[in-house]
Amino acid sequence: MPPTQKPTSAADDFNDPDLENSEQNENGTQAQDLADEALNSGDVGRLSAESEPGSRQSPADLVPRDVPDLVDTMNDMVQSGRIDMDAYAGEPRMDDEDEGETDEEDDEDE
């Protein structure tokens, strides 16, 4: 067998399959690496402040952080016994039931 030859140019070095492939180098991208970095970083206060509702607005936020959470709003409605109908403000009330509440203009055909 011939002895292993070293690459003679940068192009040969780049295409050598025996050398380390930087795209397959997983150092620093694995979950345990990220967890260790998060545990050992000194920026704990900064990270927790960013996750609090009402903190400074991020341009990437689709919903402003000071808007109440939908689940919290639903839980409040269940606890209070009052259903928040503000989403339907200005819409006509049309009930399929004969005894149901409707707007007066909907009752013209009776």
PDB file of N, CA and C in Angstrom:
ATOM      1  N   MET A   1       0.836  -1.184   0.000  1.00  0.00           N
ATOM      2  CA  MET A   1       0.000   0.000   0.000  1.00  0.00           C
ATOM      3  C   MET A   1       0.876   1.241   0.000  1.00  0.00           C
ATOM      4  N   PRO A   2       0.453   2.254  -0.761  1.00  0.00           N
ATOM      5  CA  PRO A   2       1.255   3.479  -0.766  1.00  0.00           C
ATOM      6  C   PRO A   2       1.058   4.240   0.530  1.00  0.00           C
ATOM      7  N   PRO A   3       2.051   4.974   0.965  1.00  0.00           N
ATOM      8  CA  PRO A   3       1.902   5.765   2.194  1.00  0.00           C
ATOM      9  C   PRO A   3       0.893   6.889   1.977  1.00  0.00           C
ATOM     10  N   THR A   4       0.272   7.306   3.059  1.00  0.00           N
ATOM     11  CA  THR A   4      -0.724   8.376   2.986  1.00  0.00           C
ATOM     12  C   THR A   4      -0.039   9.675   2.616  1.00  0.00           C
ATOM     13  N   GLN A   5      -0.583  10.340   1.600  1.00  0.00           N
ATOM     14  CA  GLN A   5      -0.011  11.605   1.176  1.00  0.00           C
ATOM     15  C   GLN A   5      -0.785  12.747   1.799  1.00  0.00           C
ATOM     16  N   LYS A   6      -0.082  13.794   2.112  1.00  0.00           N
ATOM     17  CA  LYS A   6      -0.723  14.989   2.651  1.00  0.00           C
ATOM     18  C   LYS A   6      -1.248  15.818   1.493  1.00  0.00           C
ATOM     19  N   PRO A   7      -2.337  16.557   1.700  1.00  0.00           N
ATOM     20  CA  PRO A   7      -2.863  17.399   0.628  1.00  0.00           C
ATOM     21  C   PRO A   7      -1.832  18.439   0.223  1.00  0.00           C
ATOM     22  N   THR A   8      -1.805  18.708  -1.066  1.00  0.00           N
ATOM     23  CA  THR A   8      -0.815  19.645  -1.575  1.00  0.00           C
ATOM     24  C   THR A   8      -1.359  21.051  -1.737  1.00  0.00           C
ATOM     25  N   SER A   9      -2.667  21.205  -1.792  1.00  0.00           N
ATOM     26  CA  SER A   9      -3.231  22.549  -1.950  1.00  0.00           C
ATOM     27  C   SER A   9      -4.419  22.724  -1.009  1.00  0.00           C
ATOM     28  N   ALA A  10      -4.885  23.958  -0.917  1.00  0.00           N
ATOM     29  CA  ALA A  10      -6.033  24.244  -0.050  1.00  0.00           C
ATOM     30  C   ALA A  10      -7.279  23.539  -0.550  1.00  0.00           C
ATOM     31  N   ALA A  11      -7.430  23.390  -1.866  1.00  0.00           N
ATOM     32  CA  ALA A  11      -8.593  22.709  -2.431  1.00  0.00           C
ATOM     33  C   ALA A  11      -8.579  21.238  -2.044  1.00  0.00           C
ATOM     34  N   ASP A  12      -7.401  20.607  -2.084  1.00  0.00           N
ATOM     35  CA  ASP A  12      -7.298  19.209  -1.671  1.00  0.00           C
ATOM     36  C   ASP A  12      -7.604  19.066  -0.185  1.00  0.00           C
ATOM     37  N   ASP A  13      -7.135  20.012   0.602  1.00  0.00           N
ATOM     38  CA  ASP A  13      -7.379  20.006   2.038  1.00  0.00           C
ATOM     39  C   ASP A  13      -8.873  20.149   2.330  1.00  0.00           C
ATOM     40  N   PHE A  14      -9.561  20.976   1.570  1.00  0.00           N
ATOM     41  CA  PHE A  14     -10.991  21.221   1.782  1.00  0.00           C
ATOM     42  C   PHE A  14     -11.814  19.976   1.477  1.00  0.00           C
ATOM     43  N   ASN A  15     -11.430  19.226   0.475  1.00  0.00           N
ATOM     44  CA  ASN A  15     -12.200  18.067   0.039  1.00  0.00           C
ATOM     45  C   ASN A  15     -11.776  16.765   0.702  1.00  0.00           C
ATOM     46  N   ASP A  16     -10.827  16.799   1.601  1.00  0.00           N
ATOM     47  CA  ASP A  16     -10.354  15.586   2.253  1.00  0.00           C
ATOM     48  C   ASP A  16     -11.415  15.080   3.229  1.00  0.00           C
ATOM     49  N   PRO A  17     -11.998  13.901   2.982  1.00  0.00           N
ATOM     50  CA  PRO A  17     -13.058  13.397   3.866  1.00  0.00           C
ATOM     51  C   PRO A  17     -12.550  12.962   5.236  1.00  0.00           C
ATOM     52  N   ASP A  18     -11.234  12.765   5.371  1.00  0.00           N
ATOM     53  CA  ASP A  18     -10.698  12.334   6.656  1.00  0.00           C
ATOM     54  C   ASP A  18     -10.542  13.479   7.642  1.00  0.00           C
ATOM     55  N   LEU A  19     -10.569  14.710   7.151  1.00  0.00           N
ATOM     56  CA  LEU A  19     -10.453  15.855   8.045  1.00  0.00           C
ATOM     57  C   LEU A  19     -11.807  16.143   8.683  1.00  0.00           C
ATOM     58  N   GLU A  20     -11.784  16.900   9.742  1.00  0.00           N
ATOM     59  CA  GLU A  20     -13.018  17.221  10.461  1.00  0.00           C
ATOM     60  C   GLU A  20     -13.926  18.104   9.607  1.00  0.00           C
ATOM     61  N   ASN A  21     -15.198  17.757   9.568  1.00  0.00           N
ATOM     62  CA  ASN A  21     -16.183  18.535   8.825  1.00  0.00           C
ATOM     63  C   ASN A  21     -16.828  19.525   9.788  1.00  0.00           C
ATOM     64  N   SER A  22     -16.680  20.803   9.526  1.00  0.00           N
ATOM     65  CA  SER A  22     -17.200  21.812  10.451  1.00  0.00           C
ATOM     66  C   SER A  22     -18.726  21.801  10.521  1.00  0.00           C
ATOM     67  N   GLU A  23     -19.384  21.340   9.462  1.00  0.00           N
ATOM     68  CA  GLU A  23     -20.846  21.277   9.488  1.00  0.00           C
ATOM     69  C   GLU A  23     -21.344  20.171  10.409  1.00  0.00           C
ATOM     70  N   GLN A  24     -20.499  19.176  10.634  1.00  0.00           N
ATOM     71  CA  GLN A  24     -20.882  18.078  11.507  1.00  0.00           C
ATOM     72  C   GLN A  24     -20.312  18.218  12.911  1.00  0.00           C
ATOM     73  N   ASN A  25     -19.609  19.280  13.176  1.00  0.00           N
ATOM     74  CA  ASN A  25     -19.060  19.528  14.496  1.00  0.00           C
ATOM     75  C   ASN A  25     -20.206  19.954  15.415  1.00  0.00           C
ATOM     76  N   GLU A  26     -20.498  19.160  16.410  1.00  0.00           N
ATOM     77  CA  GLU A  26     -21.648  19.409  17.271  1.00  0.00           C
ATOM     78  C   GLU A  26     -21.280  20.088  18.584  1.00  0.00           C
ATOM     79  N   ASN A  27     -20.030  20.477  18.753  1.00  0.00           N
ATOM     80  CA  ASN A  27     -19.631  21.133  20.000  1.00  0.00           C
ATOM     81  C   ASN A  27     -20.402  22.430  20.180  1.00  0.00           C
ATOM     82  N   GLY A  28     -21.031  22.580  21.326  1.00  0.00           N
ATOM     83  CA  GLY A  28     -21.741  23.809  21.643  1.00  0.00           C
ATOM     84  C   GLY A  28     -23.181  23.850  21.177  1.00  0.00           C
ATOM     85  N   THR A  29     -23.631  22.848  20.452  1.00  0.00           N
ATOM     86  CA  THR A  29     -25.008  22.866  19.955  1.00  0.00           C
ATOM     87  C   THR A  29     -25.891  21.813  20.610  1.00  0.00           C
ATOM     88  N   GLN A  30     -25.317  20.966  21.395  1.00  0.00           N
ATOM     89  CA  GLN A  30     -26.094  19.924  22.041  1.00  0.00           C
ATOM     90  C   GLN A  30     -26.832  20.478  23.254  1.00  0.00           C
ATOM     91  N   ALA A  31     -27.902  19.825  23.637  1.00  0.00           N
ATOM     92  CA  ALA A  31     -28.733  20.304  24.742  1.00  0.00           C
ATOM     93  C   ALA A  31     -27.936  20.425  26.037  1.00  0.00           C
ATOM     94  N   GLN A  32     -27.087  19.460  26.318  1.00  0.00           N
ATOM     95  CA  GLN A  32     -26.322  19.521  27.567  1.00  0.00           C
ATOM     96  C   GLN A  32     -25.340  20.688  27.546  1.00  0.00           C
ATOM     97  N   ASP A  33     -24.787  21.020  26.379  1.00  0.00           N
ATOM     98  CA  ASP A  33     -23.876  22.169  26.286  1.00  0.00           C
ATOM     99  C   ASP A  33     -24.623  23.466  26.555  1.00  0.00           C
ATOM    100  N   LEU A  34     -25.805  23.601  25.969  1.00  0.00           N
ATOM    101  CA  LEU A  34     -26.596  24.811  26.175  1.00  0.00           C
ATOM    102  C   LEU A  34     -27.078  24.924  27.618  1.00  0.00           C
ATOM    103  N   ALA A  35     -27.430  23.783  28.230  1.00  0.00           N
ATOM    104  CA  ALA A  35     -27.875  23.806  29.621  1.00  0.00           C
ATOM    105  C   ALA A  35     -26.729  24.218  30.542  1.00  0.00           C
ATOM    106  N   ASP A  36     -25.541  23.672  30.314  1.00  0.00           N
ATOM    107  CA  ASP A  36     -24.378  24.070  31.120  1.00  0.00           C
ATOM    108  C   ASP A  36     -24.082  25.552  30.958  1.00  0.00           C
ATOM    109  N   GLU A  37     -24.180  26.049  29.736  1.00  0.00           N
ATOM    110  CA  GLU A  37     -23.935  27.468  29.490  1.00  0.00           C
ATOM    111  C   GLU A  37     -24.958  28.338  30.222  1.00  0.00           C
ATOM    112  N   ALA A  38     -26.222  27.916  30.212  1.00  0.00           N
ATOM    113  CA  ALA A  38     -27.258  28.694  30.891  1.00  0.00           C
ATOM    114  C   ALA A  38     -27.073  28.666  32.404  1.00  0.00           C
ATOM    115  N   LEU A  39     -26.672  27.514  32.946  1.00  0.00           N
ATOM    116  CA  LEU A  39     -26.475  27.401  34.388  1.00  0.00           C
ATOM    117  C   LEU A  39     -25.264  28.195  34.859  1.00  0.00           C
ATOM    118  N   ASN A  40     -24.250  28.288  34.033  1.00  0.00           N
ATOM    119  CA  ASN A  40     -23.008  28.933  34.439  1.00  0.00           C
ATOM    120  C   ASN A  40     -22.894  30.386  34.006  1.00  0.00           C
ATOM    121  N   SER A  41     -23.893  30.896  33.309  1.00  0.00           N
ATOM    122  CA  SER A  41     -23.786  32.289  32.854  1.00  0.00           C
ATOM    123  C   SER A  41     -24.169  33.231  33.989  1.00  0.00           C
ATOM    124  N   GLY A  42     -23.630  34.422  33.967  1.00  0.00           N
ATOM    125  CA  GLY A  42     -23.921  35.417  34.992  1.00  0.00           C
ATOM    126  C   GLY A  42     -25.066  36.331  34.620  1.00  0.00           C
ATOM    127  N   ASP A  43     -25.749  36.076  33.511  1.00  0.00           N
ATOM    128  CA  ASP A  43     -26.822  36.949  33.033  1.00  0.00           C
ATOM    129  C   ASP A  43     -28.200  36.460  33.455  1.00  0.00           C
ATOM    130  N   VAL A  44     -28.315  35.835  34.606  1.00  0.00           N
ATOM    131  CA  VAL A  44     -29.590  35.270  35.037  1.00  0.00           C
ATOM    132  C   VAL A  44     -30.640  36.354  35.218  1.00  0.00           C
ATOM    133  N   GLY A  45     -30.285  37.478  35.805  1.00  0.00           N
ATOM    134  CA  GLY A  45     -31.249  38.556  36.011  1.00  0.00           C
ATOM    135  C   GLY A  45     -31.782  39.107  34.711  1.00  0.00           C
ATOM    136  N   ARG A  46     -30.924  39.239  33.724  1.00  0.00           N
ATOM    137  CA  ARG A  46     -31.348  39.771  32.432  1.00  0.00           C
ATOM    138  C   ARG A  46     -32.328  38.822  31.759  1.00  0.00           C
ATOM    139  N   LEU A  47     -32.061  37.527  31.820  1.00  0.00           N
ATOM    140  CA  LEU A  47     -32.935  36.570  31.160  1.00  0.00           C
ATOM    141  C   LEU A  47     -34.302  36.508  31.820  1.00  0.00           C
ATOM    142  N   SER A  48     -34.351  36.548  33.145  1.00  0.00           N
ATOM    143  CA  SER A  48     -35.646  36.465  33.814  1.00  0.00           C
ATOM    144  C   SER A  48     -36.443  37.746  33.630  1.00  0.00           C
ATOM    145  N   ALA A  49     -35.783  38.891  33.504  1.00  0.00           N
ATOM    146  CA  ALA A  49     -36.501  40.149  33.289  1.00  0.00           C
ATOM    147  C   ALA A  49     -37.142  40.174  31.911  1.00  0.00           C
ATOM    148  N   GLU A  50     -36.508  39.558  30.936  1.00  0.00           N
ATOM    149  CA  GLU A  50     -37.065  39.544  29.590  1.00  0.00           C
ATOM    150  C   GLU A  50     -38.297  38.661  29.499  1.00  0.00           C
ATOM    151  N   SER A  51     -38.420  37.660  30.359  1.00  0.00           N
ATOM    152  CA  SER A  51     -39.549  36.751  30.259  1.00  0.00           C
ATOM    153  C   SER A  51     -40.748  37.213  31.082  1.00  0.00           C
ATOM    154  N   GLU A  52     -40.613  38.266  31.830  1.00  0.00           N
ATOM    155  CA  GLU A  52     -41.716  38.767  32.637  1.00  0.00           C
ATOM    156  C   GLU A  52     -42.687  39.579  31.790  1.00  0.00           C
ATOM    157  N   PRO A  53     -44.004  39.392  31.985  1.00  0.00           N
ATOM    158  CA  PRO A  53     -44.961  40.216  31.258  1.00  0.00           C
ATOM    159  C   PRO A  53     -44.822  41.677  31.664  1.00  0.00           C
ATOM    160  N   GLY A  54     -44.983  42.560  30.724  1.00  0.00           N
ATOM    161  CA  GLY A  54     -44.906  43.980  31.015  1.00  0.00           C
ATOM    162  C   GLY A  54     -43.507  44.548  30.938  1.00  0.00           C
ATOM    163  N   SER A  55     -42.514  43.709  30.630  1.00  0.00           N
ATOM    164  CA  SER A  55     -41.168  44.250  30.482  1.00  0.00           C
ATOM    165  C   SER A  55     -41.075  44.959  29.137  1.00  0.00           C
ATOM    166  N   ARG A  56     -39.913  45.481  28.831  1.00  0.00           N
ATOM    167  CA  ARG A  56     -39.778  46.296  27.625  1.00  0.00           C
ATOM    168  C   ARG A  56     -40.266  45.539  26.391  1.00  0.00           C
ATOM    169  N   GLN A  57     -40.852  46.283  25.486  1.00  0.00           N
ATOM    170  CA  GLN A  57     -41.457  45.711  24.286  1.00  0.00           C
ATOM    171  C   GLN A  57     -40.388  45.243  23.306  1.00  0.00           C
ATOM    172  N   SER A  58     -40.549  44.072  22.780  1.00  0.00           N
ATOM    173  CA  SER A  58     -39.650  43.547  21.770  1.00  0.00           C
ATOM    174  C   SER A  58     -40.305  43.714  20.403  1.00  0.00           C
ATOM    175  N   PRO A  59     -39.573  44.151  19.406  1.00  0.00           N
ATOM    176  CA  PRO A  59     -40.181  44.304  18.087  1.00  0.00           C
ATOM    177  C   PRO A  59     -40.640  42.981  17.489  1.00  0.00           C
ATOM    178  N   ALA A  60     -40.159  41.859  18.011  1.00  0.00           N
ATOM    179  CA  ALA A  60     -40.555  40.559  17.485  1.00  0.00           C
ATOM    180  C   ALA A  60     -41.858  40.053  18.099  1.00  0.00           C
ATOM    181  N   ASP A  61     -42.371  40.721  19.126  1.00  0.00           N
ATOM    182  CA  ASP A  61     -43.610  40.276  19.761  1.00  0.00           C
ATOM    183  C   ASP A  61     -44.789  40.518  18.833  1.00  0.00           C
ATOM    184  N   LEU A  62     -45.579  39.485  18.586  1.00  0.00           N
ATOM    185  CA  LEU A  62     -46.791  39.649  17.793  1.00  0.00           C
ATOM    186  C   LEU A  62     -47.907  40.225  18.642  1.00  0.00           C
ATOM    187  N   VAL A  63     -47.981  39.787  19.885  1.00  0.00           N
ATOM    188  CA  VAL A  63     -48.982  40.278  20.819  1.00  0.00           C
ATOM    189  C   VAL A  63     -48.239  41.049  21.902  1.00  0.00           C
ATOM    190  N   PRO A  64     -48.653  42.277  22.197  1.00  0.00           N
ATOM    191  CA  PRO A  64     -47.975  43.025  23.260  1.00  0.00           C
ATOM    192  C   PRO A  64     -47.989  42.248  24.571  1.00  0.00           C
ATOM    193  N   ARG A  65     -46.938  42.406  25.351  1.00  0.00           N
ATOM    194  CA  ARG A  65     -46.791  41.617  26.574  1.00  0.00           C
ATOM    195  C   ARG A  65     -47.761  42.026  27.675  1.00  0.00           C
ATOM    196  N   ASP A  66     -48.358  43.229  27.585  1.00  0.00           N
ATOM    197  CA  ASP A  66     -49.277  43.649  28.634  1.00  0.00           C
ATOM    198  C   ASP A  66     -50.712  43.205  28.360  1.00  0.00           C
ATOM    199  N   VAL A  67     -50.963  42.480  27.264  1.00  0.00           N
ATOM    200  CA  VAL A  67     -52.290  41.948  26.974  1.00  0.00           C
ATOM    201  C   VAL A  67     -52.502  40.724  27.859  1.00  0.00           C
ATOM    202  N   PRO A  68     -53.671  40.637  28.538  1.00  0.00           N
ATOM    203  CA  PRO A  68     -53.903  39.482  29.411  1.00  0.00           C
ATOM    204  C   PRO A  68     -53.917  38.179  28.611  1.00  0.00           C
ATOM    205  N   ASP A  69     -53.437  37.149  29.221  1.00  0.00           N
ATOM    206  CA  ASP A  69     -53.397  35.835  28.608  1.00  0.00           C
ATOM    207  C   ASP A  69     -54.815  35.306  28.428  1.00  0.00           C
ATOM    208  N   LEU A  70     -55.102  34.638  27.315  1.00  0.00           N
ATOM    209  CA  LEU A  70     -56.437  34.124  27.030  1.00  0.00           C
ATOM    210  C   LEU A  70     -56.882  33.119  28.087  1.00  0.00           C
ATOM    211  N   VAL A  71     -55.990  32.247  28.500  1.00  0.00           N
ATOM    212  CA  VAL A  71     -56.351  31.234  29.499  1.00  0.00           C
ATOM    213  C   VAL A  71     -56.687  31.900  30.832  1.00  0.00           C
ATOM    214  N   ASP A  72     -55.914  32.920  31.226  1.00  0.00           N
ATOM    215  CA  ASP A  72     -56.215  33.639  32.463  1.00  0.00           C
ATOM    216  C   ASP A  72     -57.568  34.331  32.372  1.00  0.00           C
ATOM    217  N   THR A  73     -57.874  34.917  31.214  1.00  0.00           N
ATOM    218  CA  THR A  73     -59.170  35.573  31.024  1.00  0.00           C
ATOM    219  C   THR A  73     -60.303  34.564  31.133  1.00  0.00           C
ATOM    220  N   MET A  74     -60.132  33.396  30.538  1.00  0.00           N
ATOM    221  CA  MET A  74     -61.175  32.361  30.609  1.00  0.00           C
ATOM    222  C   MET A  74     -61.349  31.865  32.043  1.00  0.00           C
ATOM    223  N   ASN A  75     -60.249  31.674  32.764  1.00  0.00           N
ATOM    224  CA  ASN A  75     -60.346  31.242  34.160  1.00  0.00           C
ATOM    225  C   ASN A  75     -61.052  32.293  35.009  1.00  0.00           C
ATOM    226  N   ASP A  76     -60.780  33.572  34.749  1.00  0.00           N
ATOM    227  CA  ASP A  76     -61.468  34.644  35.472  1.00  0.00           C
ATOM    228  C   ASP A  76     -62.966  34.616  35.194  1.00  0.00           C
ATOM    229  N   MET A  77     -63.363  34.347  33.945  1.00  0.00           N
ATOM    230  CA  MET A  77     -64.788  34.277  33.613  1.00  0.00           C
ATOM    231  C   MET A  77     -65.453  33.107  34.328  1.00  0.00           C
ATOM    232  N   VAL A  78     -64.762  31.981  34.409  1.00  0.00           N
ATOM    233  CA  VAL A  78     -65.322  30.814  35.096  1.00  0.00           C
ATOM    234  C   VAL A  78     -65.491  31.112  36.580  1.00  0.00           C
ATOM    235  N   GLN A  79     -64.496  31.734  37.202  1.00  0.00           N
ATOM    236  CA  GLN A  79     -64.561  32.020  38.633  1.00  0.00           C
ATOM    237  C   GLN A  79     -65.608  33.069  38.958  1.00  0.00           C
ATOM    238  N   SER A  80     -65.759  34.077  38.086  1.00  0.00           N
ATOM    239  CA  SER A  80     -66.712  35.151  38.380  1.00  0.00           C
ATOM    240  C   SER A  80     -68.134  34.781  37.980  1.00  0.00           C
ATOM    241  N   GLY A  81     -68.295  33.836  37.068  1.00  0.00           N
ATOM    242  CA  GLY A  81     -69.630  33.483  36.599  1.00  0.00           C
ATOM    243  C   GLY A  81     -70.155  34.453  35.551  1.00  0.00           C
ATOM    244  N   ARG A  82     -69.367  35.416  35.131  1.00  0.00           N
ATOM    245  CA  ARG A  82     -69.778  36.408  34.127  1.00  0.00           C
ATOM    246  C   ARG A  82     -69.006  36.139  32.839  1.00  0.00           C
ATOM    247  N   ILE A  83     -69.749  36.019  31.727  1.00  0.00           N
ATOM    248  CA  ILE A  83     -69.121  35.793  30.436  1.00  0.00           C
ATOM    249  C   ILE A  83     -68.842  37.144  29.794  1.00  0.00           C
ATOM    250  N   ASP A  84     -67.620  37.361  29.375  1.00  0.00           N
ATOM    251  CA  ASP A  84     -67.210  38.616  28.750  1.00  0.00           C
ATOM    252  C   ASP A  84     -67.639  38.597  27.288  1.00  0.00           C
ATOM    253  N   MET A  85     -68.629  39.415  26.952  1.00  0.00           N
ATOM    254  CA  MET A  85     -69.159  39.461  25.590  1.00  0.00           C
ATOM    255  C   MET A  85     -68.606  40.641  24.799  1.00  0.00           C
ATOM    256  N   ASP A  86     -67.530  41.262  25.255  1.00  0.00           N
ATOM    257  CA  ASP A  86     -66.974  42.429  24.571  1.00  0.00           C
ATOM    258  C   ASP A  86     -66.512  42.112  23.147  1.00  0.00           C
ATOM    259  N   ALA A  87     -66.178  40.875  22.877  1.00  0.00           N
ATOM    260  CA  ALA A  87     -65.727  40.511  21.534  1.00  0.00           C
ATOM    261  C   ALA A  87     -66.854  40.645  20.516  1.00  0.00           C
ATOM    262  N   TYR A  88     -68.102  40.608  20.981  1.00  0.00           N
ATOM    263  CA  TYR A  88     -69.246  40.672  20.077  1.00  0.00           C
ATOM    264  C   TYR A  88     -69.908  42.044  20.072  1.00  0.00           C
ATOM    265  N   ALA A  89     -69.257  43.054  20.615  1.00  0.00           N
ATOM    266  CA  ALA A  89     -69.839  44.394  20.674  1.00  0.00           C
ATOM    267  C   ALA A  89     -70.145  44.890  19.263  1.00  0.00           C
ATOM    268  N   GLY A  90     -71.374  45.362  19.061  1.00  0.00           N
ATOM    269  CA  GLY A  90     -71.783  45.886  17.765  1.00  0.00           C
ATOM    270  C   GLY A  90     -72.319  44.839  16.810  1.00  0.00           C
ATOM    271  N   GLU A  91     -72.254  43.584  17.159  1.00  0.00           N
ATOM    272  CA  GLU A  91     -72.762  42.522  16.295  1.00  0.00           C
ATOM    273  C   GLU A  91     -74.227  42.250  16.627  1.00  0.00           C
ATOM    274  N   PRO A  92     -75.044  41.896  15.626  1.00  0.00           N
ATOM    275  CA  PRO A  92     -76.447  41.571  15.911  1.00  0.00           C
ATOM    276  C   PRO A  92     -76.551  40.260  16.692  1.00  0.00           C
ATOM    277  N   ARG A  93     -77.531  40.191  17.573  1.00  0.00           N
ATOM    278  CA  ARG A  93     -77.759  38.968  18.347  1.00  0.00           C
ATOM    279  C   ARG A  93     -78.815  38.159  17.622  1.00  0.00           C
ATOM    280  N   MET A  94     -78.451  37.001  17.140  1.00  0.00           N
ATOM    281  CA  MET A  94     -79.371  36.130  16.406  1.00  0.00           C
ATOM    282  C   MET A  94     -79.375  34.777  17.095  1.00  0.00           C
ATOM    283  N   ASP A  95     -80.483  34.456  17.741  1.00  0.00           N
ATOM    284  CA  ASP A  95     -80.605  33.200  18.461  1.00  0.00           C
ATOM    285  C   ASP A  95     -81.547  32.288  17.688  1.00  0.00           C
ATOM    286  N   ASP A  96     -81.151  31.053  17.479  1.00  0.00           N
ATOM    287  CA  ASP A  96     -81.988  30.106  16.741  1.00  0.00           C
ATOM    288  C   ASP A  96     -83.156  29.596  17.571  1.00  0.00           C
ATOM    289  N   GLU A  97     -83.076  29.727  18.864  1.00  0.00           N
ATOM    290  CA  GLU A  97     -84.153  29.260  19.729  1.00  0.00           C
ATOM    291  C   GLU A  97     -85.321  30.236  19.673  1.00  0.00           C
ATOM    292  N   ASP A  98     -86.552  29.723  19.761  1.00  0.00           N
ATOM    293  CA  ASP A  98     -87.743  30.574  19.708  1.00  0.00           C
ATOM    294  C   ASP A  98     -87.794  31.546  20.872  1.00  0.00           C
ATOM    295  N   GLU A  99     -87.375  31.095  22.054  1.00  0.00           N
ATOM    296  CA  GLU A  99     -87.435  31.947  23.236  1.00  0.00           C
ATOM    297  C   GLU A  99     -86.149  32.738  23.453  1.00  0.00           C
ATOM    298  N   GLY A 100     -85.177  32.576  22.602  1.00  0.00           N
ATOM    299  CA  GLY A 100     -83.878  33.213  22.792  1.00  0.00           C
ATOM    300  C   GLY A 100     -83.923  34.710  22.561  1.00  0.00           C
ATOM    301  N   GLU A 101     -82.940  35.402  23.125  1.00  0.00           N
ATOM    302  CA  GLU A 101     -82.851  36.853  22.971  1.00  0.00           C
ATOM    303  C   GLU A 101     -82.313  37.196  21.588  1.00  0.00           C
ATOM    304  N   THR A 102     -82.959  38.160  20.923  1.00  0.00           N
ATOM    305  CA  THR A 102     -82.483  38.672  19.644  1.00  0.00           C
ATOM    306  C   THR A 102     -82.652  40.174  19.633  1.00  0.00           C
ATOM    307  N   ASP A 103     -82.061  40.819  18.641  1.00  0.00           N
ATOM    308  CA  ASP A 103     -82.284  42.252  18.467  1.00  0.00           C
ATOM    309  C   ASP A 103     -83.678  42.461  17.887  1.00  0.00           C
ATOM    310  N   GLU A 104     -84.267  43.612  18.142  1.00  0.00           N
ATOM    311  CA  GLU A 104     -85.626  43.876  17.673  1.00  0.00           C
ATOM    312  C   GLU A 104     -85.714  43.846  16.158  1.00  0.00           C
ATOM    313  N   GLU A 105     -84.714  44.305  15.447  1.00  0.00           N
ATOM    314  CA  GLU A 105     -84.762  44.321  13.989  1.00  0.00           C
ATOM    315  C   GLU A 105     -84.748  42.919  13.404  1.00  0.00           C
ATOM    316  N   ASP A 106     -84.257  41.925  14.157  1.00  0.00           N
ATOM    317  CA  ASP A 106     -84.263  40.542  13.689  1.00  0.00           C
ATOM    318  C   ASP A 106     -85.635  39.904  13.846  1.00  0.00           C
ATOM    319  N   ASP A 107     -86.507  40.471  14.664  1.00  0.00           N
ATOM    320  CA  ASP A 107     -87.815  39.900  14.949  1.00  0.00           C
ATOM    321  C   ASP A 107     -88.880  40.370  13.968  1.00  0.00           C
ATOM    322  N   GLU A 108     -88.554  41.089  12.897  1.00  0.00           N
ATOM    323  CA  GLU A 108     -89.531  41.653  11.978  1.00  0.00           C
ATOM    324  C   GLU A 108     -90.301  40.592  11.220  1.00  0.00           C
ATOM    325  N   ASP A 109     -89.738  39.438  10.956  1.00  0.00           N
ATOM    326  CA  ASP A 109     -90.407  38.429  10.146  1.00  0.00           C
ATOM    327  C   ASP A 109     -91.404  37.590  10.929  1.00  0.00           C
ATOM    328  N   GLU A 110     -91.593  37.816  12.188  1.00  0.00           N
ATOM    329  CA  GLU A 110     -92.529  37.017  12.985  1.00  0.00           C
ATOM    330  C   GLU A 110     -93.922  37.565  12.922  1.00  0.00           C
TER     331      GLU A 110
END
